[in-house]
Amino acid sequence: MPDEEADGTPLDYGLVSPIGLPSDGLIPDPETGRSGRAEYDGYFRIVREEPDLVRWSQSCLEVQRQILADLDNSDLSAEDRNDILAGCLVVLHSTLEKWLAPPSVGEVAA
């Protein structure tokens, strides 16, 4: 995901910067249990890519730092806060599983 134009000018995303997700990552629509990729990606400004594990992990940690900092100042219900924290745990769990997975054929173990 590029963070600047070809001339080096930082990209202006307005209030929401795009985030990177694995190409198969989706969160279902609460009513239908599905969401179209284009609709989902456009709404959340997601850029699909396969980031390396270090960059992915750093991105997850930074997003979660921001979420946790905002959570204390929000007027969300306890249930909504719990749902957000549960989502953070799912991301952390998935990321740790990637770190602990055996290397794929052709990869060198760290």
N, C-alpha and C. Protein backbone atom coordinates (compact mmCIF):
# COMPACT_ATOMS: atom_id res chain seq x y z
N MET A 1 0.85 -1.16 0.00
CA MET A 1 0.00 0.00 0.00
C MET A 1 0.90 1.23 0.00
N PRO A 2 0.90 2.02 -1.04
CA PRO A 2 1.75 3.20 -1.09
C PRO A 2 1.26 4.27 -0.14
N ASP A 3 2.21 4.96 0.51
CA ASP A 3 1.86 6.03 1.43
C ASP A 3 2.07 7.41 0.82
N GLU A 4 2.52 7.42 -0.45
CA GLU A 4 2.75 8.69 -1.10
C GLU A 4 2.57 8.56 -2.61
N GLU A 5 2.37 9.72 -3.24
CA GLU A 5 2.26 9.77 -4.69
C GLU A 5 3.63 9.46 -5.30
N ALA A 6 3.67 9.26 -6.61
CA ALA A 6 4.94 8.97 -7.29
C ALA A 6 5.95 10.09 -7.10
N ASP A 7 5.47 11.33 -6.94
CA ASP A 7 6.39 12.45 -6.76
C ASP A 7 6.83 12.64 -5.30
N GLY A 8 6.40 11.74 -4.41
CA GLY A 8 6.80 11.83 -3.00
C GLY A 8 5.82 12.58 -2.13
N THR A 9 4.76 13.14 -2.72
CA THR A 9 3.75 13.86 -1.96
C THR A 9 2.92 12.87 -1.15
N PRO A 10 2.74 13.10 0.16
CA PRO A 10 1.91 12.17 0.95
C PRO A 10 0.48 12.13 0.42
N LEU A 11 -0.10 10.94 0.39
CA LEU A 11 -1.48 10.78 -0.03
C LEU A 11 -2.42 11.38 1.01
N ASP A 12 -3.48 12.02 0.56
CA ASP A 12 -4.47 12.59 1.46
C ASP A 12 -5.70 11.70 1.43
N TYR A 13 -5.94 10.97 2.54
CA TYR A 13 -7.08 10.08 2.62
C TYR A 13 -8.24 10.71 3.38
N GLY A 14 -8.14 11.97 3.75
CA GLY A 14 -9.19 12.58 4.54
C GLY A 14 -9.09 12.08 5.97
N LEU A 15 -10.22 11.77 6.57
CA LEU A 15 -10.23 11.36 7.96
C LEU A 15 -9.86 9.89 8.16
N VAL A 16 -10.01 9.08 7.11
CA VAL A 16 -9.77 7.64 7.27
C VAL A 16 -8.69 7.19 6.30
N SER A 17 -7.59 6.72 6.84
CA SER A 17 -6.53 6.16 6.00
C SER A 17 -6.86 4.71 5.70
N PRO A 18 -6.47 4.23 4.50
CA PRO A 18 -6.73 2.83 4.20
C PRO A 18 -5.87 1.91 5.04
N ILE A 19 -6.34 0.69 5.26
CA ILE A 19 -5.57 -0.32 5.96
C ILE A 19 -5.39 -1.51 5.03
N GLY A 20 -4.38 -2.29 5.26
CA GLY A 20 -4.15 -3.47 4.46
C GLY A 20 -4.73 -4.69 5.15
N LEU A 21 -5.33 -5.58 4.37
CA LEU A 21 -5.87 -6.84 4.87
C LEU A 21 -5.44 -7.96 3.94
N PRO A 22 -5.33 -9.16 4.47
CA PRO A 22 -5.08 -10.28 3.57
C PRO A 22 -6.19 -10.37 2.53
N SER A 23 -5.89 -10.92 1.38
CA SER A 23 -6.84 -10.93 0.27
C SER A 23 -8.12 -11.68 0.59
N ASP A 24 -8.12 -12.58 1.59
CA ASP A 24 -9.34 -13.32 1.92
C ASP A 24 -10.04 -12.77 3.16
N GLY A 25 -9.62 -11.63 3.69
CA GLY A 25 -10.21 -11.08 4.91
C GLY A 25 -11.53 -10.36 4.65
N LEU A 26 -12.57 -10.71 5.40
CA LEU A 26 -13.88 -10.05 5.32
C LEU A 26 -14.54 -10.04 6.69
N ILE A 27 -15.39 -9.08 6.93
CA ILE A 27 -16.25 -9.08 8.11
C ILE A 27 -17.67 -9.10 7.58
N PRO A 28 -18.48 -10.06 8.00
CA PRO A 28 -19.82 -10.18 7.40
C PRO A 28 -20.78 -9.06 7.80
N ASP A 29 -21.71 -8.80 6.91
CA ASP A 29 -22.81 -7.89 7.17
C ASP A 29 -23.68 -8.49 8.27
N PRO A 30 -24.09 -7.71 9.29
CA PRO A 30 -24.85 -8.29 10.39
C PRO A 30 -26.19 -8.91 9.99
N GLU A 31 -26.82 -8.39 8.93
CA GLU A 31 -28.14 -8.91 8.54
C GLU A 31 -28.04 -10.14 7.64
N THR A 32 -27.16 -10.08 6.66
CA THR A 32 -27.09 -11.18 5.69
C THR A 32 -25.97 -12.16 5.97
N GLY A 33 -24.99 -11.75 6.78
CA GLY A 33 -23.83 -12.60 7.01
C GLY A 33 -22.83 -12.53 5.86
N ARG A 34 -23.07 -11.66 4.88
CA ARG A 34 -22.19 -11.52 3.72
C ARG A 34 -21.97 -10.06 3.40
N SER A 35 -20.95 -9.81 2.65
CA SER A 35 -20.71 -8.46 2.15
C SER A 35 -19.91 -8.59 0.87
N GLY A 36 -20.30 -7.82 -0.11
CA GLY A 36 -19.55 -7.83 -1.36
C GLY A 36 -18.20 -7.18 -1.17
N ARG A 37 -17.20 -7.75 -1.76
CA ARG A 37 -15.83 -7.25 -1.60
C ARG A 37 -15.71 -5.78 -2.00
N ALA A 38 -16.25 -5.41 -3.15
CA ALA A 38 -16.12 -4.02 -3.61
C ALA A 38 -16.80 -3.05 -2.65
N GLU A 39 -18.00 -3.40 -2.20
CA GLU A 39 -18.73 -2.56 -1.26
C GLU A 39 -17.96 -2.42 0.06
N TYR A 40 -17.51 -3.54 0.56
CA TYR A 40 -16.78 -3.58 1.83
C TYR A 40 -15.48 -2.78 1.73
N ASP A 41 -14.70 -3.05 0.69
CA ASP A 41 -13.41 -2.37 0.53
C ASP A 41 -13.59 -0.87 0.32
N GLY A 42 -14.60 -0.50 -0.46
CA GLY A 42 -14.84 0.92 -0.68
C GLY A 42 -15.26 1.64 0.59
N TYR A 43 -16.14 1.03 1.35
CA TYR A 43 -16.63 1.65 2.58
C TYR A 43 -15.52 1.86 3.59
N PHE A 44 -14.69 0.82 3.78
CA PHE A 44 -13.63 0.89 4.78
C PHE A 44 -12.30 1.37 4.23
N ARG A 45 -12.27 1.69 2.93
CA ARG A 45 -11.05 2.16 2.27
C ARG A 45 -9.90 1.16 2.44
N ILE A 46 -10.20 -0.09 2.16
CA ILE A 46 -9.22 -1.16 2.32
C ILE A 46 -8.46 -1.36 1.01
N VAL A 47 -7.18 -1.52 1.14
CA VAL A 47 -6.31 -1.85 0.01
C VAL A 47 -5.86 -3.28 0.21
N ARG A 48 -6.20 -4.16 -0.72
CA ARG A 48 -5.85 -5.59 -0.60
C ARG A 48 -4.41 -5.79 -1.01
N GLU A 49 -3.68 -6.46 -0.17
CA GLU A 49 -2.29 -6.80 -0.44
C GLU A 49 -1.88 -7.95 0.46
N GLU A 50 -0.76 -8.49 0.22
CA GLU A 50 -0.21 -9.54 1.07
C GLU A 50 1.04 -8.97 1.75
N PRO A 51 0.87 -8.21 2.84
CA PRO A 51 2.03 -7.61 3.49
C PRO A 51 2.88 -8.68 4.16
N ASP A 52 4.16 -8.35 4.34
CA ASP A 52 4.99 -9.29 5.07
C ASP A 52 4.53 -9.31 6.53
N LEU A 53 4.86 -10.35 7.24
CA LEU A 53 4.32 -10.57 8.58
C LEU A 53 4.75 -9.48 9.57
N VAL A 54 5.96 -8.98 9.44
CA VAL A 54 6.42 -7.92 10.34
C VAL A 54 5.60 -6.66 10.12
N ARG A 55 5.44 -6.26 8.85
CA ARG A 55 4.66 -5.05 8.56
C ARG A 55 3.21 -5.21 8.98
N TRP A 56 2.63 -6.39 8.74
CA TRP A 56 1.26 -6.67 9.15
C TRP A 56 1.13 -6.54 10.67
N SER A 57 2.06 -7.15 11.40
CA SER A 57 2.01 -7.13 12.87
C SER A 57 2.13 -5.70 13.39
N GLN A 58 3.04 -4.92 12.81
CA GLN A 58 3.19 -3.53 13.22
C GLN A 58 1.92 -2.74 12.97
N SER A 59 1.28 -2.99 11.83
CA SER A 59 0.04 -2.31 11.49
C SER A 59 -1.06 -2.66 12.49
N CYS A 60 -1.18 -3.95 12.82
CA CYS A 60 -2.19 -4.39 13.79
C CYS A 60 -1.98 -3.72 15.14
N LEU A 61 -0.73 -3.70 15.59
CA LEU A 61 -0.44 -3.09 16.89
C LEU A 61 -0.76 -1.60 16.89
N GLU A 62 -0.43 -0.90 15.82
CA GLU A 62 -0.70 0.54 15.76
C GLU A 62 -2.20 0.82 15.75
N VAL A 63 -2.95 0.07 14.94
CA VAL A 63 -4.40 0.27 14.90
C VAL A 63 -5.00 -0.01 16.28
N GLN A 64 -4.55 -1.08 16.92
CA GLN A 64 -5.10 -1.43 18.22
C GLN A 64 -4.71 -0.41 19.30
N ARG A 65 -3.50 0.16 19.20
CA ARG A 65 -3.13 1.25 20.13
C ARG A 65 -4.11 2.41 20.00
N GLN A 66 -4.41 2.78 18.76
CA GLN A 66 -5.33 3.89 18.53
C GLN A 66 -6.74 3.57 19.02
N ILE A 67 -7.18 2.35 18.77
CA ILE A 67 -8.51 1.94 19.23
C ILE A 67 -8.59 2.00 20.75
N LEU A 68 -7.61 1.44 21.43
CA LEU A 68 -7.62 1.42 22.89
C LEU A 68 -7.55 2.83 23.47
N ALA A 69 -6.78 3.71 22.84
CA ALA A 69 -6.71 5.10 23.31
C ALA A 69 -8.06 5.80 23.17
N ASP A 70 -8.77 5.52 22.08
CA ASP A 70 -10.08 6.14 21.85
C ASP A 70 -11.19 5.51 22.68
N LEU A 71 -11.04 4.26 23.03
CA LEU A 71 -12.11 3.54 23.72
C LEU A 71 -12.45 4.18 25.07
N ASP A 72 -11.44 4.61 25.81
CA ASP A 72 -11.69 5.23 27.12
C ASP A 72 -12.50 6.51 27.01
N ASN A 73 -12.37 7.21 25.91
CA ASN A 73 -13.06 8.50 25.74
C ASN A 73 -14.36 8.38 24.96
N SER A 74 -14.74 7.16 24.61
CA SER A 74 -15.96 6.99 23.81
C SER A 74 -17.19 6.89 24.72
N ASP A 75 -18.35 7.04 24.11
CA ASP A 75 -19.59 6.87 24.85
C ASP A 75 -20.26 5.55 24.45
N LEU A 76 -19.45 4.60 24.00
CA LEU A 76 -19.98 3.29 23.61
C LEU A 76 -20.47 2.53 24.83
N SER A 77 -21.44 1.67 24.58
CA SER A 77 -21.94 0.82 25.66
C SER A 77 -20.87 -0.21 26.03
N ALA A 78 -21.05 -0.83 27.18
CA ALA A 78 -20.12 -1.88 27.60
C ALA A 78 -20.12 -3.03 26.59
N GLU A 79 -21.28 -3.34 26.04
CA GLU A 79 -21.38 -4.42 25.05
C GLU A 79 -20.58 -4.07 23.78
N ASP A 80 -20.72 -2.82 23.31
CA ASP A 80 -19.97 -2.40 22.12
C ASP A 80 -18.46 -2.42 22.39
N ARG A 81 -18.05 -1.95 23.56
CA ARG A 81 -16.63 -1.99 23.92
C ARG A 81 -16.12 -3.42 23.96
N ASN A 82 -16.93 -4.30 24.53
CA ASN A 82 -16.56 -5.71 24.58
C ASN A 82 -16.40 -6.28 23.18
N ASP A 83 -17.31 -5.94 22.27
CA ASP A 83 -17.22 -6.42 20.89
C ASP A 83 -15.94 -5.93 20.21
N ILE A 84 -15.58 -4.68 20.45
CA ILE A 84 -14.36 -4.13 19.87
C ILE A 84 -13.14 -4.86 20.43
N LEU A 85 -13.10 -5.05 21.72
CA LEU A 85 -11.97 -5.75 22.33
C LEU A 85 -11.89 -7.20 21.85
N ALA A 86 -13.05 -7.84 21.69
CA ALA A 86 -13.06 -9.21 21.17
C ALA A 86 -12.50 -9.23 19.74
N GLY A 87 -12.83 -8.24 18.94
CA GLY A 87 -12.28 -8.15 17.59
C GLY A 87 -10.77 -7.98 17.60
N CYS A 88 -10.28 -7.17 18.53
CA CYS A 88 -8.82 -7.00 18.67
C CYS A 88 -8.15 -8.33 19.01
N LEU A 89 -8.79 -9.10 19.88
CA LEU A 89 -8.23 -10.40 20.25
C LEU A 89 -8.21 -11.36 19.07
N VAL A 90 -9.24 -11.33 18.24
CA VAL A 90 -9.26 -12.20 17.06
C VAL A 90 -8.08 -11.87 16.14
N VAL A 91 -7.83 -10.58 15.93
CA VAL A 91 -6.72 -10.17 15.07
C VAL A 91 -5.39 -10.60 15.69
N LEU A 92 -5.23 -10.38 17.00
CA LEU A 92 -3.98 -10.79 17.65
C LEU A 92 -3.78 -12.30 17.58
N HIS A 93 -4.83 -13.05 17.80
CA HIS A 93 -4.76 -14.51 17.74
C HIS A 93 -4.35 -14.98 16.35
N SER A 94 -4.99 -14.42 15.33
CA SER A 94 -4.68 -14.78 13.95
C SER A 94 -3.23 -14.44 13.61
N THR A 95 -2.77 -13.29 14.06
CA THR A 95 -1.40 -12.86 13.79
C THR A 95 -0.40 -13.79 14.48
N LEU A 96 -0.66 -14.13 15.74
CA LEU A 96 0.24 -15.05 16.44
C LEU A 96 0.28 -16.42 15.77
N GLU A 97 -0.86 -16.88 15.27
CA GLU A 97 -0.88 -18.16 14.55
C GLU A 97 0.01 -18.10 13.31
N LYS A 98 0.01 -16.96 12.61
CA LYS A 98 0.87 -16.81 11.43
C LYS A 98 2.35 -16.87 11.83
N TRP A 99 2.69 -16.24 12.97
CA TRP A 99 4.08 -16.26 13.43
C TRP A 99 4.52 -17.67 13.80
N LEU A 100 3.60 -18.46 14.32
CA LEU A 100 3.95 -19.80 14.81
C LEU A 100 3.79 -20.88 13.73
N ALA A 101 3.22 -20.54 12.60
CA ALA A 101 3.01 -21.52 11.53
C ALA A 101 4.35 -21.93 10.94
N PRO A 102 4.48 -23.21 10.58
CA PRO A 102 5.73 -23.62 9.92
C PRO A 102 5.88 -22.90 8.59
N PRO A 103 7.11 -22.63 8.17
CA PRO A 103 7.31 -21.92 6.90
C PRO A 103 6.79 -22.72 5.72
N SER A 104 6.29 -22.02 4.71
CA SER A 104 5.83 -22.65 3.48
C SER A 104 7.02 -23.14 2.69
N VAL A 105 6.75 -24.00 1.74
CA VAL A 105 7.82 -24.50 0.87
C VAL A 105 8.47 -23.31 0.17
N GLY A 106 9.79 -23.25 0.20
CA GLY A 106 10.52 -22.16 -0.43
C GLY A 106 10.84 -21.02 0.52
N GLU A 107 10.19 -20.96 1.69
CA GLU A 107 10.49 -19.92 2.67
C GLU A 107 11.61 -20.39 3.58
N VAL A 108 12.35 -19.46 4.10
CA VAL A 108 13.41 -19.77 5.05
C VAL A 108 12.91 -19.43 6.43
N ALA A 109 13.07 -20.34 7.38
CA ALA A 109 12.65 -20.07 8.75
C ALA A 109 13.52 -18.99 9.35
N ALA A 110 12.90 -18.12 10.16
CA ALA A 110 13.64 -17.01 10.78
C ALA A 110 14.48 -17.52 11.92
